[in-house]
Every structure is written in C-alpha cells, then in structure tokens.
Amino acid sequence: MPVLNERAYLEHAVRSVLEQDVDGPTELVLALGPSSDGTTELAERLAADDPRILLVGNPAAHIPVGLNAAIRASSHPTIIRVDAHSELAPGYARRALETLQRTGAANVGGVMRADGRTPFQRAVARLYNSPVGLGGGAYHGSEREGEAESAYLGVMRREVIEQVGLFDETIRRGEDWELNLRIRQAGHLVWFDPALSVTYWPRESWSRLARQFRATGAWRGELVRRFGRSNGLRFFAPPALVVVTAVALLTGILQLAGVLRGVAALIASVIYLPLIAYALLVIGVGLVSAGGVRQRLWTMAVLPTMHFSWGLGFIGGALRGARDTVDASRLGSRNTPLP
C-alpha cells in the first residue's frame, strides 16, 4: 500500500486489509511517502500495535517506486495491491486467491465501487461507477467475469511480476495498465472477477479532482506515445472532446468577426452539434442522478471537469510527453510531492 497524506482514510483502509480471512500468514507493507498531515505518525502507531504491518520508505512519493519497495520488502508468493484511499470488501482476499487458483491467471482484479461522504464526493463516485464518467472499463461496473485488459489494484502471482520486471518506475500514472500489458505480452492471463469489490473514496474537492484527472490524462498520453494502439479507443474520447471544443470556439470567433459568412458560416456551424449533444448529456445525467439538488448540480459540474481535465492532460502528454507530471491532488497547489 503506497501512502501519502491519507490520515483521514488510512486507518479504515488498514483495518479492511487486516480483517481479511485468509488461510496462512499475511503481512501488510506500507510504503510511506513524505506526508505532511500526520499520516506517517499514524502509520507508525498502527505498526506498533500489529506485527503484521511493515513500513518502508518512499521518499520519491511516486506510486510505482513505493509499490516496488513494498513488494521487495514482502515475503509471500501472492501480492495483493491495496490503496490507502480504498477499503477491501470482507472476503476479498479469500475470493481472489480462489480465483487465481481456479483460472490460472497471473493477476486478478474486481470492481472499484466508488462511494462518497459529501454531495460533491457522491457525485464524483456516481460518475466513477458510470460508463459515461470513466469510459466503461470492466472494473467500473461490469458483471461479466472473464479475461481483462487490466485489473483494478490486482492480486498477483509474485513469480510472474518478478519475471516481467515489477512496476515501471518511469511511469507515474497508469503503471498498473502498463504492468498488465507486459503480463499479457509474456503469455499470462489477466482476469476480472465481479465478485471482488473494493470501495474507493474519490477526491473531496473540485480543484483536487481536476488536478488528479489532468495528471492521469497526461500519463495516458505518455502511454499512447510509448505503446500506440495497445491503448483502447475509449482513451481518445476526452481529447477528441477538447479538440472539438477548441475548433468550435475558433469557429465562433471567426463568425463573430465576419470572416466566416453565408453558406461557409452555416456549414461551419455543424461543429456545434456534438457540443450541444454533449451539453444535453451532461444535463441529462445530472437530472437523473440520485440525491438532492446539490448533488445533481455537482454532477453537472464534475462530469465535464473529469473529461476536459483528462483530455487536456492527454493532449499535452501525447504531444510532449508527461515528463515530471505527478498527481498533486493531495498536495495543495504544487506539482510535486516533495518538500
């Protein structure tokens, strides 16, 4: 479990792991980044109370670096990746181990069930759980078990991930997708089991959500630079929306300036149709949302925030590479987790 500034969530996440019913010995390795909110002190107290908890440092504060440090410090043949912003459902580990055995897969994942504690967070959670929000990856709500492109978090055979080289530490976001790509290229199976469930708590504010999605989009753009069409078509929808919006703005300016007139202006106005359809989609999704007026309004604000932030990040990452972009959504306004 990589950990950075997760004081509000860490104890619940750790408890959900330690309460898993598994035949045989277990351990939980926390890779601690340079937190500034008391998370490290909380982790140290938790470790003092339970000998199954091991602590390793992750001064770089990058997720794949922390994951690899934790894996190297661990000692068992099955690696269960967990997140400090999530909680494992009861029976998760036992079911995952049974699925590994039953399918012969190298990596097994389940459903990410987002949840929220405030109207904003519940709006984000609903869109995480919807194909309209995050594009329909199996782990966002599919009910059909089977072979998968990637796995949320993942329950992995240690021998396989050591064979393919652990997580790529040059990738800051999307490291799980890239690892699963190498697992599949090596001839192993990645499997989705909808009976596995993890509760995920999204970001708590609009600005943090926007920063998270911009960083994630930038690294998907980087992955497209590296791996091309190995990336699914759904990843190209948000940048396409950004491009259409930019063209529509330019068209509008040219029309207002009188550069585009008559038939040419009428033909150019076709560019507005997909944006009108998108606006109607956003409004429709908001109106049918559960919850009160605040949650519905937040839904209408969150959906384009997710798409445009991700799309802008993607375009930058695809054109010039993600470079040093990190997810700073838990770190104020800085674009680096380091002091």
Protein backbone atom coordinates (compact mmCIF):
# COMPACT_ATOMS: atom_id res chain seq x y z
CA MET A 1 0.00 0.00 0.00
CA PRO A 2 1.61 3.28 -1.13
CA VAL A 3 0.66 6.02 1.34
CA LEU A 4 0.84 9.81 1.12
CA ASN A 5 -1.26 12.32 3.10
CA GLU A 6 -4.03 9.82 3.86
CA ARG A 7 -4.65 10.44 7.56
CA ALA A 8 -8.43 10.57 7.09
CA TYR A 9 -8.55 7.23 5.25
CA LEU A 10 -5.52 5.16 6.29
CA GLU A 11 -6.86 3.53 9.45
CA HIS A 12 -10.05 2.31 7.73
CA ALA A 13 -8.03 1.02 4.77
CA VAL A 14 -5.58 -0.84 7.02
CA ARG A 15 -8.39 -2.35 9.08
CA SER A 16 -10.12 -3.63 5.93
CA VAL A 17 -6.88 -5.42 4.99
CA LEU A 18 -6.02 -6.89 8.36
CA GLU A 19 -9.57 -8.23 8.83
CA GLN A 20 -9.36 -10.36 5.66
CA ASP A 21 -9.94 -14.05 6.34
CA VAL A 22 -7.03 -15.90 4.71
CA ASP A 23 -5.62 -19.38 5.38
CA GLY A 24 -1.95 -18.83 6.11
CA PRO A 25 0.34 -15.99 7.14
CA THR A 26 -0.16 -12.43 5.88
CA GLU A 27 1.59 -9.11 6.12
CA LEU A 28 0.78 -5.54 5.12
CA VAL A 29 3.64 -3.41 3.79
CA LEU A 30 3.07 0.36 3.83
CA ALA A 31 5.31 2.41 1.53
CA LEU A 32 5.38 5.81 3.23
CA GLY A 33 5.82 9.00 1.23
CA PRO A 34 6.75 12.34 2.86
CA SER A 35 3.32 13.13 4.29
CA SER A 36 2.63 16.47 5.95
CA ASP A 37 -0.69 15.70 7.66
CA GLY A 38 0.36 13.21 10.34
CA THR A 39 -0.10 10.12 8.17
CA THR A 40 3.40 8.79 8.90
CA GLU A 41 2.91 9.08 12.65
CA LEU A 42 -0.44 7.28 12.36
CA ALA A 43 1.18 4.51 10.30
CA GLU A 44 3.89 4.11 12.92
CA ARG A 45 1.27 3.75 15.69
CA LEU A 46 -0.64 1.17 13.65
CA ALA A 47 2.56 -0.80 13.04
CA ALA A 48 3.42 -0.72 16.74
CA ASP A 49 0.03 -2.27 17.51
CA ASP A 50 0.16 -5.07 14.92
CA PRO A 51 3.32 -7.01 13.98
CA ARG A 52 1.84 -7.85 10.56
CA ILE A 53 2.36 -4.23 9.46
CA LEU A 54 5.75 -3.43 7.94
CA LEU A 55 6.91 0.07 7.00
CA VAL A 56 9.23 1.02 4.13
CA GLY A 57 10.20 4.45 2.89
CA ASN A 58 9.10 6.00 -0.39
CA PRO A 59 10.83 9.41 -0.30
CA ALA A 60 10.23 9.96 -4.02
CA ALA A 61 6.47 9.72 -3.28
CA HIS A 62 5.85 8.03 -6.64
CA ILE A 63 3.36 5.16 -6.63
CA PRO A 64 5.34 2.59 -8.70
CA VAL A 65 8.51 3.30 -6.68
CA GLY A 66 6.60 2.70 -3.46
CA LEU A 67 4.91 -0.42 -4.82
CA ASN A 68 8.22 -1.94 -5.85
CA ALA A 69 9.80 -1.12 -2.49
CA ALA A 70 6.88 -2.77 -0.71
CA ILE A 71 6.99 -5.84 -2.95
CA ARG A 72 10.73 -6.27 -2.38
CA ALA A 73 10.19 -5.99 1.38
CA SER A 74 7.40 -8.58 1.35
CA SER A 75 7.90 -12.32 1.71
CA HIS A 76 4.85 -14.21 0.40
CA PRO A 77 4.10 -15.72 -3.03
CA THR A 78 0.92 -13.69 -3.64
CA ILE A 79 0.93 -9.89 -3.81
CA ILE A 80 -2.33 -8.04 -3.12
CA ARG A 81 -2.11 -4.40 -4.11
CA VAL A 82 -4.22 -2.13 -1.92
CA ASP A 83 -4.79 1.60 -1.81
CA ALA A 84 -4.93 3.92 1.18
CA HIS A 85 -7.97 5.65 -0.35
CA SER A 86 -9.98 2.44 -0.50
CA GLU A 87 -11.38 -0.39 1.60
CA LEU A 88 -11.44 -4.10 0.73
CA ALA A 89 -14.80 -5.86 1.00
CA PRO A 90 -14.96 -8.74 3.53
CA GLY A 91 -13.80 -11.97 1.89
CA TYR A 92 -11.94 -10.10 -0.88
CA ALA A 93 -8.56 -11.81 -0.35
CA ARG A 94 -10.00 -15.32 0.05
CA ARG A 95 -12.12 -14.99 -3.10
CA ALA A 96 -9.19 -13.53 -5.07
CA LEU A 97 -6.90 -16.40 -4.08
CA GLU A 98 -9.59 -18.90 -5.10
CA THR A 99 -9.99 -17.14 -8.46
CA LEU A 100 -6.23 -17.20 -9.07
CA GLN A 101 -6.23 -20.93 -8.43
CA ARG A 102 -9.38 -21.61 -10.47
CA THR A 103 -8.38 -19.63 -13.56
CA GLY A 104 -4.59 -19.98 -13.53
CA ALA A 105 -4.39 -16.20 -14.03
CA ALA A 106 -1.32 -14.17 -13.16
CA ASN A 107 -3.35 -11.20 -11.97
CA VAL A 108 -6.95 -10.93 -10.77
CA GLY A 109 -8.96 -7.77 -10.13
CA GLY A 110 -12.52 -6.83 -9.35
CA VAL A 111 -14.91 -3.90 -9.22
CA MET A 112 -13.98 -0.46 -7.96
CA ARG A 113 -17.12 0.74 -6.18
CA ALA A 114 -16.69 4.44 -5.59
CA ASP A 115 -18.55 6.00 -2.66
CA GLY A 116 -18.81 9.45 -1.12
CA ARG A 117 -19.44 11.21 2.18
CA THR A 118 -20.47 14.64 0.85
CA PRO A 119 -22.72 15.71 -2.05
CA PHE A 120 -19.63 16.53 -4.12
CA GLN A 121 -17.86 13.26 -3.37
CA ARG A 122 -21.06 11.27 -4.00
CA ALA A 123 -21.44 12.99 -7.37
CA VAL A 124 -17.87 12.03 -8.27
CA ALA A 125 -18.47 8.47 -7.05
CA ARG A 126 -21.57 8.09 -9.21
CA LEU A 127 -19.62 9.13 -12.30
CA TYR A 128 -16.74 6.81 -11.39
CA ASN A 129 -19.28 3.99 -11.37
CA SER A 130 -20.81 5.04 -14.70
CA PRO A 131 -19.57 4.34 -18.26
CA VAL A 132 -20.42 7.97 -19.05
CA GLY A 133 -17.86 9.12 -16.48
CA LEU A 134 -14.80 6.92 -16.90
CA GLY A 135 -15.40 5.20 -20.19
CA GLY A 136 -16.63 1.73 -19.37
CA GLY A 137 -13.58 -0.20 -18.12
CA ALA A 138 -14.71 -3.58 -16.74
CA TYR A 139 -13.72 -2.72 -13.18
CA HIS A 140 -16.12 0.26 -13.16
CA GLY A 141 -19.18 -1.95 -13.02
CA SER A 142 -19.18 -4.91 -15.41
CA GLU A 143 -20.93 -8.03 -14.17
CA ARG A 144 -19.33 -10.44 -16.65
CA GLU A 145 -16.35 -12.47 -15.44
CA GLY A 146 -13.55 -13.11 -17.87
CA GLU A 147 -10.22 -12.17 -19.40
CA ALA A 148 -9.37 -8.49 -18.98
CA GLU A 149 -7.05 -5.83 -20.35
CA SER A 150 -6.07 -4.65 -16.88
CA ALA A 151 -7.06 -5.17 -13.24
CA TYR A 152 -8.02 -2.64 -10.59
CA LEU A 153 -5.37 -2.84 -7.85
CA GLY A 154 -4.71 -6.52 -8.54
CA VAL A 155 -3.97 -9.80 -6.78
CA MET A 156 -0.81 -11.06 -8.44
CA ARG A 157 1.45 -14.09 -8.53
CA ARG A 158 4.79 -12.90 -7.29
CA GLU A 159 6.76 -15.14 -9.62
CA VAL A 160 5.07 -13.59 -12.66
CA ILE A 161 5.52 -9.93 -11.72
CA GLU A 162 9.15 -10.61 -10.84
CA GLN A 163 9.55 -12.34 -14.20
CA VAL A 164 8.24 -9.32 -16.12
CA GLY A 165 10.18 -6.82 -14.01
CA LEU A 166 7.81 -5.32 -11.40
CA PHE A 167 6.28 -1.88 -11.97
CA ASP A 168 7.94 0.53 -14.39
CA GLU A 169 9.22 3.32 -12.14
CA THR A 170 9.38 5.81 -15.02
CA ILE A 171 5.55 5.83 -15.20
CA ARG A 172 3.75 7.94 -12.61
CA ARG A 173 0.13 7.12 -13.54
CA GLY A 174 -1.24 4.13 -15.44
CA GLU A 175 1.53 1.95 -14.05
CA ASP A 176 -0.95 -0.86 -13.41
CA TRP A 177 -2.16 -0.86 -17.04
CA GLU A 178 1.44 -0.98 -18.30
CA LEU A 179 2.35 -3.85 -15.95
CA ASN A 180 -0.69 -5.81 -17.09
CA LEU A 181 0.29 -5.18 -20.71
CA ARG A 182 3.67 -6.82 -20.03
CA ILE A 183 1.99 -9.67 -18.16
CA ARG A 184 -0.25 -10.36 -21.17
CA GLN A 185 2.61 -9.98 -23.65
CA ALA A 186 4.52 -12.60 -21.65
CA GLY A 187 1.67 -15.04 -22.30
CA HIS A 188 -0.07 -14.83 -18.93
CA LEU A 189 -3.73 -14.22 -18.15
CA VAL A 190 -5.25 -11.13 -16.52
CA TRP A 191 -8.70 -11.87 -15.11
CA PHE A 192 -11.71 -9.82 -14.00
CA ASP A 193 -13.95 -11.23 -11.26
CA PRO A 194 -17.01 -9.06 -10.47
CA ALA A 195 -17.44 -10.85 -7.15
CA LEU A 196 -14.37 -8.94 -5.92
CA SER A 197 -15.24 -5.48 -4.63
CA VAL A 198 -13.19 -2.55 -3.34
CA THR A 199 -14.71 0.67 -2.00
CA TYR A 200 -12.87 3.72 -3.34
CA TRP A 201 -13.20 7.24 -1.88
CA PRO A 202 -12.73 9.92 -4.59
CA ARG A 203 -11.14 13.34 -4.12
CA GLU A 204 -13.07 15.69 -1.86
CA SER A 205 -12.91 18.96 -3.82
CA TRP A 206 -13.33 20.22 -7.37
CA SER A 207 -9.76 21.56 -7.68
CA ARG A 208 -8.19 18.33 -6.42
CA LEU A 209 -10.32 16.28 -8.79
CA ALA A 210 -9.26 18.47 -11.73
CA ARG A 211 -5.56 18.12 -10.84
CA GLN A 212 -5.91 14.35 -10.44
CA PHE A 213 -7.56 13.93 -13.83
CA ARG A 214 -5.13 16.25 -15.60
CA ALA A 215 -2.19 14.20 -14.31
CA THR A 216 -3.88 10.91 -15.18
CA GLY A 217 -4.65 12.15 -18.68
CA ALA A 218 -1.07 13.33 -19.20
CA TRP A 219 0.28 9.91 -18.35
CA ARG A 220 -2.24 8.19 -20.61
CA GLY A 221 -0.94 10.45 -23.38
CA GLU A 222 2.57 9.31 -22.48
CA LEU A 223 1.46 5.67 -22.65
CA VAL A 224 -0.01 6.31 -26.10
CA ARG A 225 3.38 7.73 -27.18
CA ARG A 226 5.07 4.58 -25.92
CA PHE A 227 2.58 1.88 -26.84
CA GLY A 228 0.31 3.33 -29.52
CA ARG A 229 -2.82 1.33 -30.30
CA SER A 230 -2.28 -1.03 -27.40
CA ASN A 231 -4.36 1.65 -25.65
CA GLY A 232 -8.14 1.22 -26.01
CA LEU A 233 -10.18 3.58 -28.18
CA ARG A 234 -12.10 4.88 -25.15
CA PHE A 235 -8.99 6.77 -24.04
CA PHE A 236 -9.24 9.02 -27.10
CA ALA A 237 -12.77 10.33 -26.40
CA PRO A 238 -11.86 13.12 -23.91
CA PRO A 239 -9.08 14.61 -26.07
CA ALA A 240 -11.45 14.49 -29.04
CA LEU A 241 -13.96 16.48 -26.99
CA VAL A 242 -11.28 19.07 -26.19
CA VAL A 243 -10.32 19.38 -29.87
CA VAL A 244 -13.95 19.76 -30.98
CA THR A 245 -14.48 22.44 -28.33
CA ALA A 246 -11.39 24.34 -29.44
CA VAL A 247 -12.49 24.21 -33.09
CA ALA A 248 -15.99 25.36 -32.10
CA LEU A 249 -14.55 28.34 -30.19
CA LEU A 250 -12.39 29.30 -33.15
CA THR A 251 -15.36 28.94 -35.48
CA GLY A 252 -17.46 31.17 -33.27
CA ILE A 253 -14.76 33.85 -33.19
CA LEU A 254 -14.43 33.79 -36.98
CA GLN A 255 -18.20 34.03 -37.37
CA LEU A 256 -18.46 36.96 -34.96
CA ALA A 257 -15.57 38.70 -36.73
CA GLY A 258 -17.31 38.27 -40.07
CA VAL A 259 -14.54 36.13 -41.55
CA LEU A 260 -16.98 33.24 -41.99
CA ARG A 261 -20.21 34.31 -43.66
CA GLY A 262 -23.15 32.93 -45.55
CA VAL A 263 -23.00 29.29 -46.63
CA ALA A 264 -19.49 28.85 -45.22
CA ALA A 265 -20.66 30.01 -41.78
CA LEU A 266 -23.67 27.70 -41.98
CA ILE A 267 -21.53 24.69 -42.87
CA ALA A 268 -19.01 25.54 -40.15
CA SER A 269 -21.84 25.64 -37.60
CA VAL A 270 -22.06 21.83 -37.84
CA ILE A 271 -19.17 21.76 -35.33
CA TYR A 272 -21.60 22.93 -32.64
CA LEU A 273 -23.80 19.84 -32.91
CA PRO A 274 -21.59 17.41 -30.96
CA LEU A 275 -21.13 20.04 -28.23
CA ILE A 276 -24.88 20.57 -27.99
CA ALA A 277 -25.32 16.80 -27.71
CA TYR A 278 -22.65 16.67 -25.02
CA ALA A 279 -24.28 19.51 -23.06
CA LEU A 280 -27.61 17.69 -23.20
CA LEU A 281 -25.88 14.52 -21.99
CA VAL A 282 -24.35 16.35 -19.02
CA ILE A 283 -27.68 17.91 -18.09
CA GLY A 284 -29.49 14.59 -18.51
CA VAL A 285 -27.01 12.69 -16.35
CA GLY A 286 -27.31 15.37 -13.69
CA LEU A 287 -31.11 15.39 -13.69
CA VAL A 288 -31.42 11.61 -13.31
CA SER A 289 -28.83 11.47 -10.53
CA ALA A 290 -29.86 10.27 -7.11
CA GLY A 291 -29.62 12.66 -4.18
CA GLY A 292 -30.68 16.23 -3.68
CA VAL A 293 -30.29 19.37 -5.75
CA ARG A 294 -26.69 19.98 -4.63
CA GLN A 295 -25.56 16.52 -5.68
CA ARG A 296 -27.25 16.88 -9.07
CA LEU A 297 -25.64 20.27 -9.68
CA TRP A 298 -22.27 18.86 -8.66
CA THR A 299 -22.78 16.00 -11.11
CA MET A 300 -23.27 18.51 -13.93
CA ALA A 301 -20.07 20.28 -12.89
CA VAL A 302 -18.00 17.16 -12.23
CA LEU A 303 -18.65 15.32 -15.50
CA PRO A 304 -17.13 17.98 -17.82
CA THR A 305 -14.37 18.61 -15.26
CA MET A 306 -13.33 14.97 -15.47
CA HIS A 307 -13.49 14.87 -19.27
CA PHE A 308 -11.84 18.22 -20.05
CA SER A 309 -9.10 17.90 -17.40
CA TRP A 310 -8.28 14.39 -18.59
CA GLY A 311 -8.45 15.42 -22.25
CA LEU A 312 -6.20 18.48 -21.81
CA GLY A 313 -3.70 16.37 -19.89
CA PHE A 314 -3.81 13.67 -22.56
CA ILE A 315 -3.07 16.12 -25.39
CA GLY A 316 -0.10 17.57 -23.51
CA GLY A 317 1.21 14.11 -22.65
CA ALA A 318 0.77 12.82 -26.21
CA LEU A 319 2.46 15.84 -27.81
CA ARG A 320 5.41 16.39 -25.49
CA GLY A 321 5.35 13.52 -23.00
CA ALA A 322 4.20 13.54 -19.39
CA ARG A 323 7.73 14.44 -18.23
CA ASP A 324 7.62 15.21 -14.49
CA THR A 325 3.82 15.48 -14.19
CA VAL A 326 2.54 13.92 -10.97
CA ASP A 327 -0.83 13.67 -9.28
CA ALA A 328 -0.61 16.58 -6.83
CA SER A 329 -4.28 16.37 -5.84
CA ARG A 330 -3.44 15.59 -2.23
CA LEU A 331 -0.69 18.20 -2.01
CA GLY A 332 -2.21 21.66 -2.32
CA SER A 333 -1.29 23.52 -5.49
CA ARG A 334 2.19 22.14 -6.04
CA ASN A 335 3.02 19.83 -8.93
CA THR A 336 5.48 17.83 -6.91
CA PRO A 337 5.02 15.77 -3.74
CA LEU A 338 8.49 16.55 -2.48
CA PRO A 339 9.14 19.19 0.21
